[in-house]
C-alpha atoms as a PDB file:
ATOM      1  CA  UNK A   1      33.032 -58.427  62.648  1.00  0.00           C
ATOM      2  CA  UNK A   2      35.459 -58.997  65.398  1.00  0.00           C
ATOM      3  CA  UNK A   3      34.619 -58.187  68.750  1.00  0.00           C
ATOM      4  CA  UNK A   4      37.324 -57.449  70.209  1.00  0.00           C
ATOM      5  CA  UNK A   5      38.604 -53.706  70.615  1.00  0.00           C
ATOM      6  CA  UNK A   6      41.469 -52.548  68.478  1.00  0.00           C
ATOM      7  CA  UNK A   7      44.141 -50.080  69.810  1.00  0.00           C
ATOM      8  CA  UNK A   8      46.240 -47.923  66.901  1.00  0.00           C
ATOM      9  CA  UNK A   9      49.727 -46.109  68.125  1.00  0.00           C
ATOM     10  CA  UNK A  10      50.141 -43.430  66.110  1.00  0.00           C
ATOM     11  CA  UNK A  11      53.713 -41.344  66.401  1.00  0.00           C
ATOM     12  CA  UNK A  12      52.976 -37.932  66.143  1.00  0.00           C
ATOM     13  CA  UNK A  13      55.805 -34.657  66.322  1.00  0.00           C
ATOM     14  CA  UNK A  14      55.864 -34.255  70.142  1.00  0.00           C
ATOM     15  CA  UNK A  15      53.586 -36.869  71.812  1.00  0.00           C
ATOM     16  CA  UNK A  16      52.110 -40.722  70.936  1.00  0.00           C
ATOM     17  CA  UNK A  17      48.309 -40.399  69.718  1.00  0.00           C
ATOM     18  CA  UNK A  18      46.167 -43.646  70.542  1.00  0.00           C
ATOM     19  CA  UNK A  19      43.043 -44.358  68.587  1.00  0.00           C
ATOM     20  CA  UNK A  20      40.582 -46.887  70.042  1.00  0.00           C
ATOM     21  CA  UNK A  21      38.373 -48.848  67.323  1.00  0.00           C
ATOM     22  CA  UNK A  22      35.339 -51.190  68.156  1.00  0.00           C
ATOM     23  CA  UNK A  23      36.785 -53.899  66.342  1.00  0.00           C
ATOM     24  CA  UNK A  24      39.504 -53.871  63.659  1.00  0.00           C
ATOM     25  CA  UNK A  25      38.788 -51.562  60.804  1.00  0.00           C
ATOM     26  CA  UNK A  26      35.802 -50.781  62.808  1.00  0.00           C
ATOM     27  CA  UNK A  27      34.557 -47.309  64.189  1.00  0.00           C
ATOM     28  CA  UNK A  28      36.547 -45.165  66.345  1.00  0.00           C
ATOM     29  CA  UNK A  29      35.001 -44.941  69.761  1.00  0.00           C
ATOM     30  CA  UNK A  30      37.997 -43.261  71.615  1.00  0.00           C
ATOM     31  CA  UNK A  31      41.244 -41.318  71.091  1.00  0.00           C
ATOM     32  CA  UNK A  32      43.753 -40.193  73.706  1.00  0.00           C
ATOM     33  CA  UNK A  33      47.206 -38.450  73.823  1.00  0.00           C
ATOM     34  CA  UNK A  34      50.360 -39.806  75.686  1.00  0.00           C
ATOM     35  CA  UNK A  35      49.585 -43.261  77.538  1.00  0.00           C
ATOM     36  CA  UNK A  36      48.278 -46.019  76.003  1.00  0.00           C
ATOM     37  CA  UNK A  37      44.024 -46.232  77.134  1.00  0.00           C
ATOM     38  CA  UNK A  38      42.998 -48.889  79.534  1.00  0.00           C
ATOM     39  CA  UNK A  39      40.195 -50.569  78.330  1.00  0.00           C
ATOM     40  CA  UNK A  40      37.673 -50.087  80.828  1.00  0.00           C
ATOM     41  CA  UNK A  41      33.540 -50.396  81.002  1.00  0.00           C
ATOM     42  CA  UNK A  42      33.021 -47.204  78.924  1.00  0.00           C
ATOM     43  CA  UNK A  43      35.151 -48.344  76.307  1.00  0.00           C
ATOM     44  CA  UNK A  44      33.706 -51.392  75.853  1.00  0.00           C
ATOM     45  CA  UNK A  45      30.126 -50.213  76.300  1.00  0.00           C
ATOM     46  CA  UNK A  46      30.914 -47.794  73.333  1.00  0.00           C
ATOM     47  CA  UNK A  47      32.424 -50.716  71.889  1.00  0.00           C
ATOM     48  CA  UNK A  48      28.909 -52.842  72.566  1.00  0.00           C
ATOM     49  CA  UNK A  49      26.902 -49.470  71.063  1.00  0.00           C
ATOM     50  CA  UNK A  50      28.940 -49.080  67.743  1.00  0.00           C
ATOM     51  CA  UNK A  51      28.429 -53.164  67.384  1.00  0.00           C
ATOM     52  CA  UNK A  52      24.565 -52.962  67.752  1.00  0.00           C
ATOM     53  CA  UNK A  53      24.193 -49.705  65.784  1.00  0.00           C
ATOM     54  CA  UNK A  54      26.535 -51.313  62.799  1.00  0.00           C
ATOM     55  CA  UNK A  55      24.917 -55.017  63.039  1.00  0.00           C
ATOM     56  CA  UNK A  56      21.211 -53.129  62.167  1.00  0.00           C
ATOM     57  CA  UNK A  57      22.497 -51.159  59.636  1.00  0.00           C
ATOM     58  CA  UNK A  58      24.604 -53.830  58.140  1.00  0.00           C
ATOM     59  CA  UNK A  59      22.309 -56.892  57.653  1.00  0.00           C
ATOM     60  CA  UNK A  60      20.645 -54.811  54.676  1.00  0.00           C
ATOM     61  CA  UNK A  61      24.030 -54.185  53.095  1.00  0.00           C
ATOM     62  CA  UNK A  62      27.041 -56.911  51.840  1.00  0.00           C
ATOM     63  CA  UNK A  63      28.785 -55.942  54.657  1.00  0.00           C
ATOM     64  CA  UNK A  64      26.306 -57.518  56.625  1.00  0.00           C
ATOM     65  CA  UNK A  65      26.149 -60.656  53.825  1.00  0.00           C
ATOM     66  CA  UNK A  66      30.225 -60.608  54.121  1.00  0.00           C
ATOM     67  CA  UNK A  67      30.135 -61.080  58.265  1.00  0.00           C
ATOM     68  CA  UNK A  68      27.506 -63.384  58.047  1.00  0.00           C
ATOM     69  CA  UNK A  69      29.746 -65.286  55.761  1.00  0.00           C
ATOM     70  CA  UNK A  70      32.797 -65.224  57.780  1.00  0.00           C
ATOM     71  CA  UNK A  71      30.881 -66.610  61.080  1.00  0.00           C
ATOM     72  CA  UNK A  72      29.156 -69.558  58.829  1.00  0.00           C
ATOM     73  CA  UNK A  73      29.678 -73.062  58.982  1.00  0.00           C
ATOM     74  CA  UNK A  74      30.362 -73.096  55.272  1.00  0.00           C
ATOM     75  CA  UNK A  75      33.378 -70.610  55.776  1.00  0.00           C
ATOM     76  CA  UNK A  76      34.727 -72.657  59.017  1.00  0.00           C
ATOM     77  CA  UNK A  77      34.715 -75.443  56.736  1.00  0.00           C
ATOM     78  CA  UNK A  78      37.188 -74.122  54.623  1.00  0.00           C
ATOM     79  CA  UNK A  79      40.803 -75.284  54.141  1.00  0.00           C
ATOM     80  CA  UNK A  80      42.953 -72.493  56.626  1.00  0.00           C
ATOM     81  CA  UNK A  81      45.110 -71.731  52.802  1.00  0.00           C
ATOM     82  CA  UNK A  82      41.506 -71.180  51.393  1.00  0.00           C
ATOM     83  CA  UNK A  83      40.083 -68.990  53.939  1.00  0.00           C
ATOM     84  CA  UNK A  84      43.176 -66.742  53.416  1.00  0.00           C
ATOM     85  CA  UNK A  85      42.633 -66.627  50.208  1.00  0.00           C
ATOM     86  CA  UNK A  86      38.811 -65.888  50.401  1.00  0.00           C
ATOM     87  CA  UNK A  87      39.437 -62.883  53.163  1.00  0.00           C
ATOM     88  CA  UNK A  88      41.389 -60.881  50.855  1.00  0.00           C
ATOM     89  CA  UNK A  89      38.685 -61.038  48.364  1.00  0.00           C
ATOM     90  CA  UNK A  90      36.034 -60.872  51.117  1.00  0.00           C
ATOM     91  CA  UNK A  91      38.186 -57.479  51.806  1.00  0.00           C
ATOM     92  CA  UNK A  92      38.284 -56.360  48.355  1.00  0.00           C
ATOM     93  CA  UNK A  93      34.531 -57.215  47.966  1.00  0.00           C
ATOM     94  CA  UNK A  94      33.541 -55.112  51.022  1.00  0.00           C
ATOM     95  CA  UNK A  95      36.025 -52.106  50.013  1.00  0.00           C
ATOM     96  CA  UNK A  96      34.011 -51.906  46.394  1.00  0.00           C
ATOM     97  CA  UNK A  97      30.350 -53.059  47.590  1.00  0.00           C
ATOM     98  CA  UNK A  98      30.063 -53.568  51.117  1.00  0.00           C
ATOM     99  CA  UNK A  99      27.985 -50.437  51.640  1.00  0.00           C
ATOM    100  CA  UNK A 100      25.632 -51.328  48.644  1.00  0.00           C
ATOM    101  CA  UNK A 101      22.459 -52.169  49.794  1.00  0.00           C
ATOM    102  CA  UNK A 102      21.089 -55.621  49.024  1.00  0.00           C
ATOM    103  CA  UNK A 103      18.217 -54.508  46.728  1.00  0.00           C
ATOM    104  CA  UNK A 104      20.814 -53.459  43.933  1.00  0.00           C
ATOM    105  CA  UNK A 105      21.885 -56.961  44.204  1.00  0.00           C
ATOM    106  CA  UNK A 106      18.542 -57.382  42.134  1.00  0.00           C
ATOM    107  CA  UNK A 107      18.888 -55.570  39.598  1.00  0.00           C
ATOM    108  CA  UNK A 108      20.577 -57.116  36.464  1.00  0.00           C
ATOM    109  CA  UNK A 109      22.724 -53.944  35.417  1.00  0.00           C
ATOM    110  CA  UNK A 110      24.644 -54.960  38.887  1.00  0.00           C
ATOM    111  CA  UNK A 111      26.209 -58.102  37.222  1.00  0.00           C
ATOM    112  CA  UNK A 112      27.773 -55.151  34.424  1.00  0.00           C
ATOM    113  CA  UNK A 113      29.631 -53.692  37.498  1.00  0.00           C
ATOM    114  CA  UNK A 114      30.252 -56.846  39.268  1.00  0.00           C
ATOM    115  CA  UNK A 115      32.336 -57.434  35.873  1.00  0.00           C
ATOM    116  CA  UNK A 116      33.820 -54.257  35.365  1.00  0.00           C
ATOM    117  CA  UNK A 117      35.029 -54.179  39.180  1.00  0.00           C
ATOM    118  CA  UNK A 118      36.405 -58.442  38.031  1.00  0.00           C
ATOM    119  CA  UNK A 119      38.243 -56.298  34.446  1.00  0.00           C
ATOM    120  CA  UNK A 120      40.401 -54.151  37.240  1.00  0.00           C
ATOM    121  CA  UNK A 121      42.310 -57.664  37.423  1.00  0.00           C
ATOM    122  CA  UNK A 122      41.860 -58.663  33.639  1.00  0.00           C
ATOM    123  CA  UNK A 123      45.827 -58.636  33.182  1.00  0.00           C
ATOM    124  CA  UNK A 124      45.782 -61.350  35.439  1.00  0.00           C
ATOM    125  CA  UNK A 125      43.049 -63.700  34.388  1.00  0.00           C
ATOM    126  CA  UNK A 126      42.732 -66.270  37.274  1.00  0.00           C
ATOM    127  CA  UNK A 127      42.613 -63.309  39.794  1.00  0.00           C
ATOM    128  CA  UNK A 128      40.229 -61.799  37.790  1.00  0.00           C
ATOM    129  CA  UNK A 129      38.217 -64.885  38.101  1.00  0.00           C
ATOM    130  CA  UNK A 130      38.534 -65.204  41.904  1.00  0.00           C
ATOM    131  CA  UNK A 131      37.095 -61.490  41.915  1.00  0.00           C
ATOM    132  CA  UNK A 132      34.080 -62.474  40.021  1.00  0.00           C
ATOM    133  CA  UNK A 133      34.000 -66.039  41.922  1.00  0.00           C
ATOM    134  CA  UNK A 134      33.858 -64.431  45.111  1.00  0.00           C
ATOM    135  CA  UNK A 135      31.154 -62.277  44.413  1.00  0.00           C
ATOM    136  CA  UNK A 136      28.772 -65.269  43.159  1.00  0.00           C
ATOM    137  CA  UNK A 137      29.878 -67.278  46.722  1.00  0.00           C
ATOM    138  CA  UNK A 138      28.747 -64.308  48.653  1.00  0.00           C
ATOM    139  CA  UNK A 139      25.454 -63.687  46.522  1.00  0.00           C
ATOM    140  CA  UNK A 140      24.597 -67.346  46.295  1.00  0.00           C
ATOM    141  CA  UNK A 141      24.919 -67.447  50.218  1.00  0.00           C
ATOM    142  CA  UNK A 142      22.734 -64.693  50.387  1.00  0.00           C
ATOM    143  CA  UNK A 143      20.354 -66.168  47.856  1.00  0.00           C
ATOM    144  CA  UNK A 144      20.245 -69.457  50.479  1.00  0.00           C
ATOM    145  CA  UNK A 145      19.518 -67.742  52.946  1.00  0.00           C
ATOM    146  CA  UNK A 146      16.550 -65.796  51.717  1.00  0.00           C
ATOM    147  CA  UNK A 147      17.950 -62.054  51.613  1.00  0.00           C
ATOM    148  CA  UNK A 148      17.888 -62.082  48.172  1.00  0.00           C
ATOM    149  CA  UNK A 149      16.214 -63.802  44.983  1.00  0.00           C
ATOM    150  CA  UNK A 150      18.643 -63.866  42.833  1.00  0.00           C
ATOM    151  CA  UNK A 151      22.077 -64.557  42.204  1.00  0.00           C
ATOM    152  CA  UNK A 152      23.314 -61.909  39.359  1.00  0.00           C
ATOM    153  CA  UNK A 153      27.036 -62.842  39.504  1.00  0.00           C
ATOM    154  CA  UNK A 154      26.267 -66.461  38.754  1.00  0.00           C
ATOM    155  CA  UNK A 155      27.729 -67.907  35.783  1.00  0.00           C
ATOM    156  CA  UNK A 156      29.947 -65.165  34.771  1.00  0.00           C
ATOM    157  CA  UNK A 157      32.093 -65.970  32.685  1.00  0.00           C
ATOM    158  CA  UNK A 158      35.944 -66.754  33.020  1.00  0.00           C
ATOM    159  CA  UNK A 159      38.845 -65.238  31.735  1.00  0.00           C
ATOM    160  CA  UNK A 160      41.306 -67.694  32.217  1.00  0.00           C
ATOM    161  CA  UNK A 161      41.342 -71.242  30.273  1.00  0.00           C
ATOM    162  CA  UNK A 162      43.864 -74.047  30.440  1.00  0.00           C
ATOM    163  CA  UNK A 163      44.573 -76.615  27.956  1.00  0.00           C
ATOM    164  CA  UNK A 164      45.476 -79.401  29.136  1.00  0.00           C
ATOM    165  CA  UNK A 165      44.638 -81.920  26.476  1.00  0.00           C
ATOM    166  CA  UNK A 166      48.337 -82.603  26.042  1.00  0.00           C
ATOM    167  CA  UNK A 167      49.114 -83.595  29.128  1.00  0.00           C
ATOM    168  CA  UNK A 168      46.532 -86.175  29.112  1.00  0.00           C
ATOM    169  CA  UNK A 169      48.540 -89.891  29.220  1.00  0.00           C
ATOM    170  CA  UNK A 170      47.023 -92.366  26.926  1.00  0.00           C
ATOM    171  CA  UNK A 171      47.799 -95.855  26.127  1.00  0.00           C
ATOM    172  CA  UNK A 172      50.241 -95.484  23.784  1.00  0.00           C
ATOM    173  CA  UNK A 173      51.974 -93.462  26.412  1.00  0.00           C
ATOM    174  CA  UNK A 174      52.441 -96.213  28.940  1.00  0.00           C
END
């Protein structure tokens, strides 16, 4: 969760309206018409309060795992391109499963839910595999930190296969 206050300007028919969020994609903490709000102690306190409230609530959901993974040394060690790709999939996982309690991922039936989510991209097998791979990474991260007891996404079969046998150089090709 980004700690920076986020302000969005919306043009209405007769005025500009500004919405202030505790962070990008976070809860709205203030709105004001005509003039861009000044970030003062009141707004900072509201943002701090929203972060504390959300942090306590999200520790028991997949969104909490996602936030922790984004801040982890494992994520920070990834190449910039990989981080960009993972951010897309972390956002997608958050949209679909973010509010789900971690206990739900202990149930083997959740594996079917993850596979159904992956299958949304079945027309693009490599993309679909990224969906199940990201869930496996997230649940593996939660497992390693003792937040869940099993990774139901581990070993979900891949949809994309490549046969590169014809690209192998043998001695006779030299």
